[in-house]
Amino acid sequence: VSNSDVYFTYKHLLADVSFPSKVLNQPRSSSALLFYWG
């Protein structure tokens, strides 16, 4: 059971398996800029 990002699971752990590009090349979600302030 892979709890790693599914993209990296295929890219690094399943390099011998064809990449499901239709699924994994969908537009990515947003990210964030984080500031931890005391």
PDB file of all heavy atoms in Angstrom:
ATOM      1  N   VAL A   1       0.874  -1.177   0.000  1.00  0.00           N
ATOM      2  CA  VAL A   1       0.000   0.000   0.000  1.00  0.00           C
ATOM      3  C   VAL A   1       0.910   1.225   0.000  1.00  0.00           C
ATOM      4  O   VAL A   1       1.653   1.433   0.953  1.00  0.00           O
ATOM      5  CB  VAL A   1      -0.935   0.045   1.230  1.00  0.00           C
ATOM      6  CG1 VAL A   1      -1.844   1.279   1.148  1.00  0.00           C
ATOM      7  CG2 VAL A   1      -1.766  -1.230   1.335  1.00  0.00           C
ATOM      8  N   SER A   2       0.847   2.006  -1.067  1.00  0.00           N
ATOM      9  CA  SER A   2       1.703   3.186  -1.144  1.00  0.00           C
ATOM     10  C   SER A   2       0.967   4.412  -0.635  1.00  0.00           C
ATOM     11  O   SER A   2      -0.073   4.800  -1.171  1.00  0.00           O
ATOM     12  CB  SER A   2       2.167   3.445  -2.580  1.00  0.00           C
ATOM     13  OG  SER A   2       2.970   4.614  -2.611  1.00  0.00           O
ATOM     14  N   ASN A   3       1.523   5.017   0.417  1.00  0.00           N
ATOM     15  CA  ASN A   3       1.033   6.290   0.941  1.00  0.00           C
ATOM     16  C   ASN A   3       1.913   7.437   0.434  1.00  0.00           C
ATOM     17  O   ASN A   3       1.731   8.572   0.827  1.00  0.00           O
ATOM     18  CB  ASN A   3       1.028   6.250   2.472  1.00  0.00           C
ATOM     19  CG  ASN A   3       0.415   7.479   3.123  1.00  0.00           C
ATOM     20  OD1 ASN A   3       0.779   7.850   4.227  1.00  0.00           O
ATOM     21  ND2 ASN A   3      -0.522   8.128   2.457  1.00  0.00           N
ATOM     22  N   SER A   4       2.839   7.094  -0.459  1.00  0.00           N
ATOM     23  CA  SER A   4       3.651   8.114  -1.109  1.00  0.00           C
ATOM     24  C   SER A   4       2.822   8.760  -2.218  1.00  0.00           C
ATOM     25  O   SER A   4       1.865   8.163  -2.714  1.00  0.00           O
ATOM     26  CB  SER A   4       4.908   7.476  -1.692  1.00  0.00           C
ATOM     27  OG  SER A   4       5.706   8.423  -2.363  1.00  0.00           O
ATOM     28  N   ASP A   5       3.164   9.971  -2.591  1.00  0.00           N
ATOM     29  CA  ASP A   5       2.498  10.624  -3.715  1.00  0.00           C
ATOM     30  C   ASP A   5       2.485   9.660  -4.901  1.00  0.00           C
ATOM     31  O   ASP A   5       3.504   9.066  -5.252  1.00  0.00           O
ATOM     32  CB  ASP A   5       3.238  11.913  -4.077  1.00  0.00           C
ATOM     33  CG  ASP A   5       2.528  12.732  -5.129  1.00  0.00           C
ATOM     34  OD1 ASP A   5       2.445  12.259  -6.281  1.00  0.00           O
ATOM     35  OD2 ASP A   5       2.069  13.838  -4.811  1.00  0.00           O
ATOM     36  N   VAL A   6       1.329   9.492  -5.525  1.00  0.00           N
ATOM     37  CA  VAL A   6       1.189   8.468  -6.555  1.00  0.00           C
ATOM     38  C   VAL A   6       2.103   8.753  -7.746  1.00  0.00           C
ATOM     39  O   VAL A   6       2.599   7.815  -8.398  1.00  0.00           O
ATOM     40  CB  VAL A   6      -0.293   8.339  -6.992  1.00  0.00           C
ATOM     41  CG1 VAL A   6      -0.760   9.584  -7.737  1.00  0.00           C
ATOM     42  CG2 VAL A   6      -0.507   7.094  -7.824  1.00  0.00           C
ATOM     43  N   TYR A   7       2.370  10.018  -8.023  1.00  0.00           N
ATOM     44  CA  TYR A   7       3.281  10.359  -9.119  1.00  0.00           C
ATOM     45  C   TYR A   7       4.671   9.812  -8.838  1.00  0.00           C
ATOM     46  O   TYR A   7       5.281   9.150  -9.687  1.00  0.00           O
ATOM     47  CB  TYR A   7       3.336  11.876  -9.316  1.00  0.00           C
ATOM     48  CG  TYR A   7       4.177  12.295 -10.509  1.00  0.00           C
ATOM     49  CD1 TYR A   7       3.593  12.524 -11.743  1.00  0.00           C
ATOM     50  CD2 TYR A   7       5.559  12.449 -10.394  1.00  0.00           C
ATOM     51  CE1 TYR A   7       4.355  12.903 -12.843  1.00  0.00           C
ATOM     52  CE2 TYR A   7       6.330  12.821 -11.482  1.00  0.00           C
ATOM     53  CZ  TYR A   7       5.723  13.050 -12.700  1.00  0.00           C
ATOM     54  OH  TYR A   7       6.487  13.408 -13.787  1.00  0.00           O
ATOM     55  N   PHE A   8       5.182  10.056  -7.633  1.00  0.00           N
ATOM     56  CA  PHE A   8       6.513   9.575  -7.276  1.00  0.00           C
ATOM     57  C   PHE A   8       6.536   8.051  -7.132  1.00  0.00           C
ATOM     58  O   PHE A   8       7.576   7.424  -7.358  1.00  0.00           O
ATOM     59  CB  PHE A   8       6.984  10.239  -5.981  1.00  0.00           C
ATOM     60  CG  PHE A   8       7.441  11.661  -6.178  1.00  0.00           C
ATOM     61  CD1 PHE A   8       6.779  12.702  -5.570  1.00  0.00           C
ATOM     62  CD2 PHE A   8       8.527  11.948  -6.981  1.00  0.00           C
ATOM     63  CE1 PHE A   8       7.193  14.018  -5.754  1.00  0.00           C
ATOM     64  CE2 PHE A   8       8.959  13.251  -7.177  1.00  0.00           C
ATOM     65  CZ  PHE A   8       8.279  14.290  -6.563  1.00  0.00           C
ATOM     66  N   THR A   9       5.414   7.470  -6.748  1.00  0.00           N
ATOM     67  CA  THR A   9       5.355   6.012  -6.658  1.00  0.00           C
ATOM     68  C   THR A   9       5.656   5.390  -8.017  1.00  0.00           C
ATOM     69  O   THR A   9       6.453   4.456  -8.134  1.00  0.00           O
ATOM     70  CB  THR A   9       3.971   5.548  -6.155  1.00  0.00           C
ATOM     71  OG1 THR A   9       3.732   6.107  -4.859  1.00  0.00           O
ATOM     72  CG2 THR A   9       3.916   4.031  -6.064  1.00  0.00           C
ATOM     73  N   TYR A  10       5.025   5.914  -9.059  1.00  0.00           N
ATOM     74  CA  TYR A  10       5.285   5.385 -10.405  1.00  0.00           C
ATOM     75  C   TYR A  10       6.672   5.786 -10.897  1.00  0.00           C
ATOM     76  O   TYR A  10       7.391   4.972 -11.489  1.00  0.00           O
ATOM     77  CB  TYR A  10       4.226   5.906 -11.382  1.00  0.00           C
ATOM     78  CG  TYR A  10       2.953   5.108 -11.354  1.00  0.00           C
ATOM     79  CD1 TYR A  10       1.871   5.525 -10.598  1.00  0.00           C
ATOM     80  CD2 TYR A  10       2.827   3.921 -12.076  1.00  0.00           C
ATOM     81  CE1 TYR A  10       0.693   4.799 -10.559  1.00  0.00           C
ATOM     82  CE2 TYR A  10       1.661   3.176 -12.049  1.00  0.00           C
ATOM     83  CZ  TYR A  10       0.593   3.618 -11.287  1.00  0.00           C
ATOM     84  OH  TYR A  10      -0.559   2.882 -11.247  1.00  0.00           O
ATOM     85  N   LYS A  11       7.049   7.032 -10.651  1.00  0.00           N
ATOM     86  CA  LYS A  11       8.300   7.548 -11.207  1.00  0.00           C
ATOM     87  C   LYS A  11       9.518   6.844 -10.628  1.00  0.00           C
ATOM     88  O   LYS A  11      10.478   6.529 -11.348  1.00  0.00           O
ATOM     89  CB  LYS A  11       8.390   9.047 -10.909  1.00  0.00           C
ATOM     90  CG  LYS A  11       9.466   9.784 -11.677  1.00  0.00           C
ATOM     91  CD  LYS A  11       9.064   9.988 -13.120  1.00  0.00           C
ATOM     92  CE  LYS A  11      10.068  10.866 -13.852  1.00  0.00           C
ATOM     93  NZ  LYS A  11       9.721  10.989 -15.290  1.00  0.00           N
ATOM     94  N   HIS A  12       9.494   6.567  -9.313  1.00  0.00           N
ATOM     95  CA  HIS A  12      10.685   6.047  -8.648  1.00  0.00           C
ATOM     96  C   HIS A  12      10.570   4.593  -8.188  1.00  0.00           C
ATOM     97  O   HIS A  12      11.575   3.888  -8.137  1.00  0.00           O
ATOM     98  CB  HIS A  12      11.024   6.922  -7.437  1.00  0.00           C
ATOM     99  CG  HIS A  12      11.286   8.348  -7.793  1.00  0.00           C
ATOM    100  ND1 HIS A  12      12.287   8.734  -8.655  1.00  0.00           N
ATOM    101  CD2 HIS A  12      10.675   9.493  -7.406  1.00  0.00           C
ATOM    102  CE1 HIS A  12      12.292  10.044  -8.792  1.00  0.00           C
ATOM    103  NE2 HIS A  12      11.320  10.537  -8.038  1.00  0.00           N
ATOM    104  N   LEU A  13       9.390   4.163  -7.826  1.00  0.00           N
ATOM    105  CA  LEU A  13       9.241   2.811  -7.268  1.00  0.00           C
ATOM    106  C   LEU A  13       8.710   1.797  -8.273  1.00  0.00           C
ATOM    107  O   LEU A  13       8.824   0.594  -8.057  1.00  0.00           O
ATOM    108  CB  LEU A  13       8.303   2.854  -6.047  1.00  0.00           C
ATOM    109  CG  LEU A  13       8.644   3.878  -4.960  1.00  0.00           C
ATOM    110  CD1 LEU A  13       7.678   3.746  -3.793  1.00  0.00           C
ATOM    111  CD2 LEU A  13      10.074   3.714  -4.495  1.00  0.00           C
ATOM    112  N   LEU A  14       8.124   2.292  -9.358  1.00  0.00           N
ATOM    113  CA  LEU A  14       7.557   1.399 -10.384  1.00  0.00           C
ATOM    114  C   LEU A  14       8.046   1.826 -11.761  1.00  0.00           C
ATOM    115  O   LEU A  14       7.265   1.947 -12.709  1.00  0.00           O
ATOM    116  CB  LEU A  14       6.026   1.453 -10.332  1.00  0.00           C
ATOM    117  CG  LEU A  14       5.353   0.836  -9.107  1.00  0.00           C
ATOM    118  CD1 LEU A  14       3.886   1.258  -9.044  1.00  0.00           C
ATOM    119  CD2 LEU A  14       5.462  -0.691  -9.138  1.00  0.00           C
ATOM    120  N   ALA A  15       9.347   2.046 -11.857  1.00  0.00           N
ATOM    121  CA  ALA A  15       9.913   2.560 -13.104  1.00  0.00           C
ATOM    122  C   ALA A  15       9.704   1.609 -14.281  1.00  0.00           C
ATOM    123  O   ALA A  15       9.743   2.035 -15.445  1.00  0.00           O
ATOM    124  CB  ALA A  15      11.406   2.836 -12.920  1.00  0.00           C
ATOM    125  N   ASP A  16       9.461   0.328 -13.984  1.00  0.00           N
ATOM    126  CA  ASP A  16       9.276  -0.652 -15.057  1.00  0.00           C
ATOM    127  C   ASP A  16       7.807  -0.811 -15.451  1.00  0.00           C
ATOM    128  O   ASP A  16       7.461  -1.679 -16.258  1.00  0.00           O
ATOM    129  CB  ASP A  16       9.846  -2.009 -14.643  1.00  0.00           C
ATOM    130  CG  ASP A  16       9.224  -2.537 -13.349  1.00  0.00           C
ATOM    131  OD1 ASP A  16       8.596  -1.731 -12.624  1.00  0.00           O
ATOM    132  OD2 ASP A  16       9.365  -3.745 -13.069  1.00  0.00           O
ATOM    133  N   VAL A  17       6.935   0.028 -14.869  1.00  0.00           N
ATOM    134  CA  VAL A  17       5.504  -0.041 -15.176  1.00  0.00           C
ATOM    135  C   VAL A  17       5.128   1.180 -15.994  1.00  0.00           C
ATOM    136  O   VAL A  17       5.565   2.301 -15.704  1.00  0.00           O
ATOM    137  CB  VAL A  17       4.667  -0.084 -13.880  1.00  0.00           C
ATOM    138  CG1 VAL A  17       3.177  -0.040 -14.189  1.00  0.00           C
ATOM    139  CG2 VAL A  17       5.008  -1.340 -13.089  1.00  0.00           C
ATOM    140  N   SER A  18       4.331   0.981 -17.030  1.00  0.00           N
ATOM    141  CA  SER A  18       3.934   2.102 -17.876  1.00  0.00           C
ATOM    142  C   SER A  18       3.223   3.166 -17.053  1.00  0.00           C
ATOM    143  O   SER A  18       2.367   2.878 -16.220  1.00  0.00           O
ATOM    144  CB  SER A  18       3.030   1.627 -19.018  1.00  0.00           C
ATOM    145  OG  SER A  18       1.870   1.001 -18.511  1.00  0.00           O
ATOM    146  N   PHE A  19       3.582   4.401 -17.321  1.00  0.00           N
ATOM    147  CA  PHE A  19       3.101   5.552 -16.557  1.00  0.00           C
ATOM    148  C   PHE A  19       1.672   5.888 -16.994  1.00  0.00           C
ATOM    149  O   PHE A  19       1.428   6.126 -18.180  1.00  0.00           O
ATOM    150  CB  PHE A  19       4.034   6.729 -16.842  1.00  0.00           C
ATOM    151  CG  PHE A  19       3.922   7.878 -15.901  1.00  0.00           C
ATOM    152  CD1 PHE A  19       4.570   7.841 -14.673  1.00  0.00           C
ATOM    153  CD2 PHE A  19       3.200   9.000 -16.237  1.00  0.00           C
ATOM    154  CE1 PHE A  19       4.506   8.923 -13.806  1.00  0.00           C
ATOM    155  CE2 PHE A  19       3.127  10.083 -15.382  1.00  0.00           C
ATOM    156  CZ  PHE A  19       3.784  10.040 -14.161  1.00  0.00           C
ATOM    157  N   PRO A  20       0.698   5.924 -16.067  1.00  0.00           N
ATOM    158  CA  PRO A  20      -0.690   6.261 -16.444  1.00  0.00           C
ATOM    159  C   PRO A  20      -0.818   7.761 -16.677  1.00  0.00           C
ATOM    160  O   PRO A  20      -1.373   8.498 -15.871  1.00  0.00           O
ATOM    161  CB  PRO A  20      -1.495   5.789 -15.231  1.00  0.00           C
ATOM    162  CG  PRO A  20      -0.565   5.890 -14.082  1.00  0.00           C
ATOM    163  CD  PRO A  20       0.809   5.608 -14.626  1.00  0.00           C
ATOM    164  N   SER A  21      -0.294   8.221 -17.824  1.00  0.00           N
ATOM    165  CA  SER A  21      -0.146   9.654 -18.080  1.00  0.00           C
ATOM    166  C   SER A  21      -1.475  10.397 -18.088  1.00  0.00           C
ATOM    167  O   SER A  21      -1.545  11.558 -17.655  1.00  0.00           O
ATOM    168  CB  SER A  21       0.587   9.882 -19.400  1.00  0.00           C
ATOM    169  OG  SER A  21      -0.093   9.233 -20.461  1.00  0.00           O
ATOM    170  N   LYS A  22      -2.537   9.776 -18.568  1.00  0.00           N
ATOM    171  CA  LYS A  22      -3.830  10.467 -18.627  1.00  0.00           C
ATOM    172  C   LYS A  22      -4.288  10.883 -17.237  1.00  0.00           C
ATOM    173  O   LYS A  22      -4.883  11.942 -17.048  1.00  0.00           O
ATOM    174  CB  LYS A  22      -4.888   9.564 -19.268  1.00  0.00           C
ATOM    175  CG  LYS A  22      -6.238  10.235 -19.461  1.00  0.00           C
ATOM    176  CD  LYS A  22      -7.214   9.319 -20.155  1.00  0.00           C
ATOM    177  CE  LYS A  22      -8.559  10.010 -20.359  1.00  0.00           C
ATOM    178  NZ  LYS A  22      -9.542   9.120 -21.035  1.00  0.00           N
ATOM    179  N   VAL A  23      -3.972  10.050 -16.259  1.00  0.00           N
ATOM    180  CA  VAL A  23      -4.365  10.326 -14.879  1.00  0.00           C
ATOM    181  C   VAL A  23      -3.375  11.259 -14.208  1.00  0.00           C
ATOM    182  O   VAL A  23      -3.753  12.261 -13.597  1.00  0.00           O
ATOM    183  CB  VAL A  23      -4.480   9.016 -14.075  1.00  0.00           C
ATOM    184  CG1 VAL A  23      -4.722   9.299 -12.607  1.00  0.00           C
ATOM    185  CG2 VAL A  23      -5.609   8.154 -14.641  1.00  0.00           C
ATOM    186  N   LEU A  24      -2.086  10.951 -14.331  1.00  0.00           N
ATOM    187  CA  LEU A  24      -1.077  11.661 -13.550  1.00  0.00           C
ATOM    188  C   LEU A  24      -0.652  12.993 -14.158  1.00  0.00           C
ATOM    189  O   LEU A  24       0.020  13.774 -13.505  1.00  0.00           O
ATOM    190  CB  LEU A  24       0.140  10.766 -13.351  1.00  0.00           C
ATOM    191  CG  LEU A  24      -0.144   9.479 -12.558  1.00  0.00           C
ATOM    192  CD1 LEU A  24       1.136   8.687 -12.355  1.00  0.00           C
ATOM    193  CD2 LEU A  24      -0.791   9.781 -11.220  1.00  0.00           C
ATOM    194  N   ASN A  25      -1.050  13.248 -15.407  1.00  0.00           N
ATOM    195  CA  ASN A  25      -0.728  14.533 -16.011  1.00  0.00           C
ATOM    196  C   ASN A  25      -1.888  15.513 -15.961  1.00  0.00           C
ATOM    197  O   ASN A  25      -1.894  16.530 -16.659  1.00  0.00           O
ATOM    198  CB  ASN A  25      -0.277  14.336 -17.464  1.00  0.00           C
ATOM    199  CG  ASN A  25       1.108  13.714 -17.552  1.00  0.00           C
ATOM    200  OD1 ASN A  25       1.917  13.849 -16.634  1.00  0.00           O
ATOM    201  ND2 ASN A  25       1.381  13.015 -18.634  1.00  0.00           N
ATOM    202  N   GLN A  26      -2.862  15.236 -15.101  1.00  0.00           N
ATOM    203  CA  GLN A  26      -3.946  16.183 -14.879  1.00  0.00           C
ATOM    204  C   GLN A  26      -3.384  17.452 -14.236  1.00  0.00           C
ATOM    205  O   GLN A  26      -2.340  17.421 -13.587  1.00  0.00           O
ATOM    206  CB  GLN A  26      -5.006  15.564 -13.972  1.00  0.00           C
ATOM    207  CG  GLN A  26      -5.797  14.430 -14.602  1.00  0.00           C
ATOM    208  CD  GLN A  26      -6.602  14.888 -15.793  1.00  0.00           C
ATOM    209  OE1 GLN A  26      -7.396  15.819 -15.707  1.00  0.00           O
ATOM    210  NE2 GLN A  26      -6.378  14.243 -16.924  1.00  0.00           N
ATOM    211  N   PRO A  27      -4.069  18.585 -14.391  1.00  0.00           N
ATOM    212  CA  PRO A  27      -3.584  19.835 -13.769  1.00  0.00           C
ATOM    213  C   PRO A  27      -3.370  19.661 -12.276  1.00  0.00           C
ATOM    214  O   PRO A  27      -4.179  19.044 -11.579  1.00  0.00           O
ATOM    215  CB  PRO A  27      -4.712  20.830 -14.065  1.00  0.00           C
ATOM    216  CG  PRO A  27      -5.377  20.293 -15.286  1.00  0.00           C
ATOM    217  CD  PRO A  27      -5.301  18.798 -15.158  1.00  0.00           C
ATOM    218  N   ARG A  28      -2.267  20.216 -11.787  1.00  0.00           N
ATOM    219  CA  ARG A  28      -1.918  20.052 -10.378  1.00  0.00           C
ATOM    220  C   ARG A  28      -2.685  21.032  -9.499  1.00  0.00           C
ATOM    221  O   ARG A  28      -3.131  22.095  -9.930  1.00  0.00           O
ATOM    222  CB  ARG A  28      -0.415  20.278 -10.177  1.00  0.00           C
ATOM    223  CG  ARG A  28       0.489  19.476 -11.082  1.00  0.00           C
ATOM    224  CD  ARG A  28       0.270  17.993 -10.965  1.00  0.00           C
ATOM    225  NE  ARG A  28       0.558  17.491  -9.619  1.00  0.00           N
ATOM    226  CZ  ARG A  28       0.408  16.219  -9.266  1.00  0.00           C
ATOM    227  NH1 ARG A  28      -0.065  15.335 -10.110  1.00  0.00           N
ATOM    228  NH2 ARG A  28       0.725  15.846  -8.033  1.00  0.00           N
ATOM    229  N   SER A  29      -2.818  20.657  -8.245  1.00  0.00           N
ATOM    230  CA  SER A  29      -3.443  21.548  -7.268  1.00  0.00           C
ATOM    231  C   SER A  29      -2.491  22.680  -6.910  1.00  0.00           C
ATOM    232  O   SER A  29      -1.325  22.697  -7.322  1.00  0.00           O
ATOM    233  CB  SER A  29      -3.811  20.768  -6.000  1.00  0.00           C
ATOM    234  OG  SER A  29      -2.640  20.548  -5.202  1.00  0.00           O
ATOM    235  N   SER A  30      -2.992  23.615  -6.145  1.00  0.00           N
ATOM    236  CA  SER A  30      -2.143  24.700  -5.657  1.00  0.00           C
ATOM    237  C   SER A  30      -1.174  24.189  -4.600  1.00  0.00           C
ATOM    238  O   SER A  30      -1.305  23.086  -4.079  1.00  0.00           O
ATOM    239  CB  SER A  30      -3.001  25.820  -5.074  1.00  0.00           C
ATOM    240  OG  SER A  30      -3.789  25.328  -3.998  1.00  0.00           O
ATOM    241  N   SER A  31      -0.206  25.031  -4.288  1.00  0.00           N
ATOM    242  CA  SER A  31       0.736  24.770  -3.209  1.00  0.00           C
ATOM    243  C   SER A  31       0.552  25.880  -2.175  1.00  0.00           C
ATOM    244  O   SER A  31      -0.532  26.456  -2.064  1.00  0.00           O
ATOM    245  CB  SER A  31       2.167  24.730  -3.748  1.00  0.00           C
ATOM    246  OG  SER A  31       3.077  24.328  -2.742  1.00  0.00           O
ATOM    247  N   ALA A  32       1.594  26.195  -1.441  1.00  0.00           N
ATOM    248  CA  ALA A  32       1.467  27.220  -0.396  1.00  0.00           C
ATOM    249  C   ALA A  32       2.825  27.820  -0.067  1.00  0.00           C
ATOM    250  O   ALA A  32       3.871  27.201  -0.275  1.00  0.00           O
ATOM    251  CB  ALA A  32       0.850  26.617   0.864  1.00  0.00           C
ATOM    252  N   LEU A  33       2.790  29.034   0.452  1.00  0.00           N
ATOM    253  CA  LEU A  33       3.935  29.650   1.113  1.00  0.00           C
ATOM    254  C   LEU A  33       3.579  29.730   2.588  1.00  0.00           C
ATOM    255  O   LEU A  33       2.520  30.251   2.958  1.00  0.00           O
ATOM    256  CB  LEU A  33       4.207  31.051   0.565  1.00  0.00           C
ATOM    257  CG  LEU A  33       4.560  31.160  -0.917  1.00  0.00           C
ATOM    258  CD1 LEU A  33       4.854  32.621  -1.284  1.00  0.00           C
ATOM    259  CD2 LEU A  33       5.756  30.293  -1.280  1.00  0.00           C
ATOM    260  N   LEU A  34       4.452  29.196   3.431  1.00  0.00           N
ATOM    261  CA  LEU A  34       4.167  29.102   4.861  1.00  0.00           C
ATOM    262  C   LEU A  34       5.207  29.875   5.677  1.00  0.00           C
ATOM    263  O   LEU A  34       6.409  29.797   5.408  1.00  0.00           O
ATOM    264  CB  LEU A  34       4.183  27.635   5.310  1.00  0.00           C
ATOM    265  CG  LEU A  34       3.181  26.699   4.629  1.00  0.00           C
ATOM    266  CD1 LEU A  34       3.458  25.265   5.025  1.00  0.00           C
ATOM    267  CD2 LEU A  34       1.765  27.073   5.019  1.00  0.00           C
ATOM    268  N   PHE A  35       4.690  30.583   6.670  1.00  0.00           N
ATOM    269  CA  PHE A  35       5.549  31.315   7.600  1.00  0.00           C
ATOM    270  C   PHE A  35       5.150  30.908   9.020  1.00  0.00           C
ATOM    271  O   PHE A  35       3.987  31.063   9.408  1.00  0.00           O
ATOM    272  CB  PHE A  35       5.371  32.829   7.435  1.00  0.00           C
ATOM    273  CG  PHE A  35       5.742  33.332   6.068  1.00  0.00           C
ATOM    274  CD1 PHE A  35       4.825  33.276   5.024  1.00  0.00           C
ATOM    275  CD2 PHE A  35       7.000  33.853   5.825  1.00  0.00           C
ATOM    276  CE1 PHE A  35       5.156  33.734   3.760  1.00  0.00           C
ATOM    277  CE2 PHE A  35       7.343  34.315   4.559  1.00  0.00           C
ATOM    278  CZ  PHE A  35       6.421  34.254   3.522  1.00  0.00           C
ATOM    279  N   TYR A  36       6.096  30.356   9.751  1.00  0.00           N
ATOM    280  CA  TYR A  36       5.863  29.997  11.145  1.00  0.00           C
ATOM    281  C   TYR A  36       6.467  31.118  11.993  1.00  0.00           C
ATOM    282  O   TYR A  36       7.691  31.240  12.075  1.00  0.00           O
ATOM    283  CB  TYR A  36       6.518  28.656  11.475  1.00  0.00           C
ATOM    284  CG  TYR A  36       6.127  27.529  10.537  1.00  0.00           C
ATOM    285  CD1 TYR A  36       6.924  27.202   9.437  1.00  0.00           C
ATOM    286  CD2 TYR A  36       4.967  26.782  10.758  1.00  0.00           C
ATOM    287  CE1 TYR A  36       6.575  26.173   8.581  1.00  0.00           C
ATOM    288  CE2 TYR A  36       4.617  25.747   9.895  1.00  0.00           C
ATOM    289  CZ  TYR A  36       5.417  25.445   8.809  1.00  0.00           C
ATOM    290  OH  TYR A  36       5.072  24.417   7.967  1.00  0.00           O
ATOM    291  N   TRP A  37       5.597  31.930  12.583  1.00  0.00           N
ATOM    292  CA  TRP A  37       6.061  33.119  13.310  1.00  0.00           C
ATOM    293  C   TRP A  37       5.786  33.009  14.794  1.00  0.00           C
ATOM    294  O   TRP A  37       4.640  32.756  15.214  1.00  0.00           O
ATOM    295  CB  TRP A  37       5.351  34.376  12.791  1.00  0.00           C
ATOM    296  CG  TRP A  37       5.830  34.861  11.455  1.00  0.00           C
ATOM    297  CD1 TRP A  37       6.975  34.500  10.799  1.00  0.00           C
ATOM    298  CD2 TRP A  37       5.154  35.787  10.595  1.00  0.00           C
ATOM    299  NE1 TRP A  37       7.070  35.147   9.604  1.00  0.00           N
ATOM    300  CE2 TRP A  37       5.974  35.950   9.444  1.00  0.00           C
ATOM    301  CE3 TRP A  37       3.968  36.500  10.693  1.00  0.00           C
ATOM    302  CZ2 TRP A  37       5.616  36.794   8.399  1.00  0.00           C
ATOM    303  CZ3 TRP A  37       3.612  37.346   9.654  1.00  0.00           C
ATOM    304  CH2 TRP A  37       4.425  37.490   8.515  1.00  0.00           C
ATOM    305  N   GLY A  38       6.813  33.214  15.585  1.00  0.00           N
ATOM    306  CA  GLY A  38       6.635  33.403  17.009  1.00  0.00           C
ATOM    307  C   GLY A  38       6.398  34.885  17.259  1.00  0.00           C
ATOM    308  O   GLY A  38       7.236  35.715  16.890  1.00  0.00           O
TER     309      GLY A  38
END
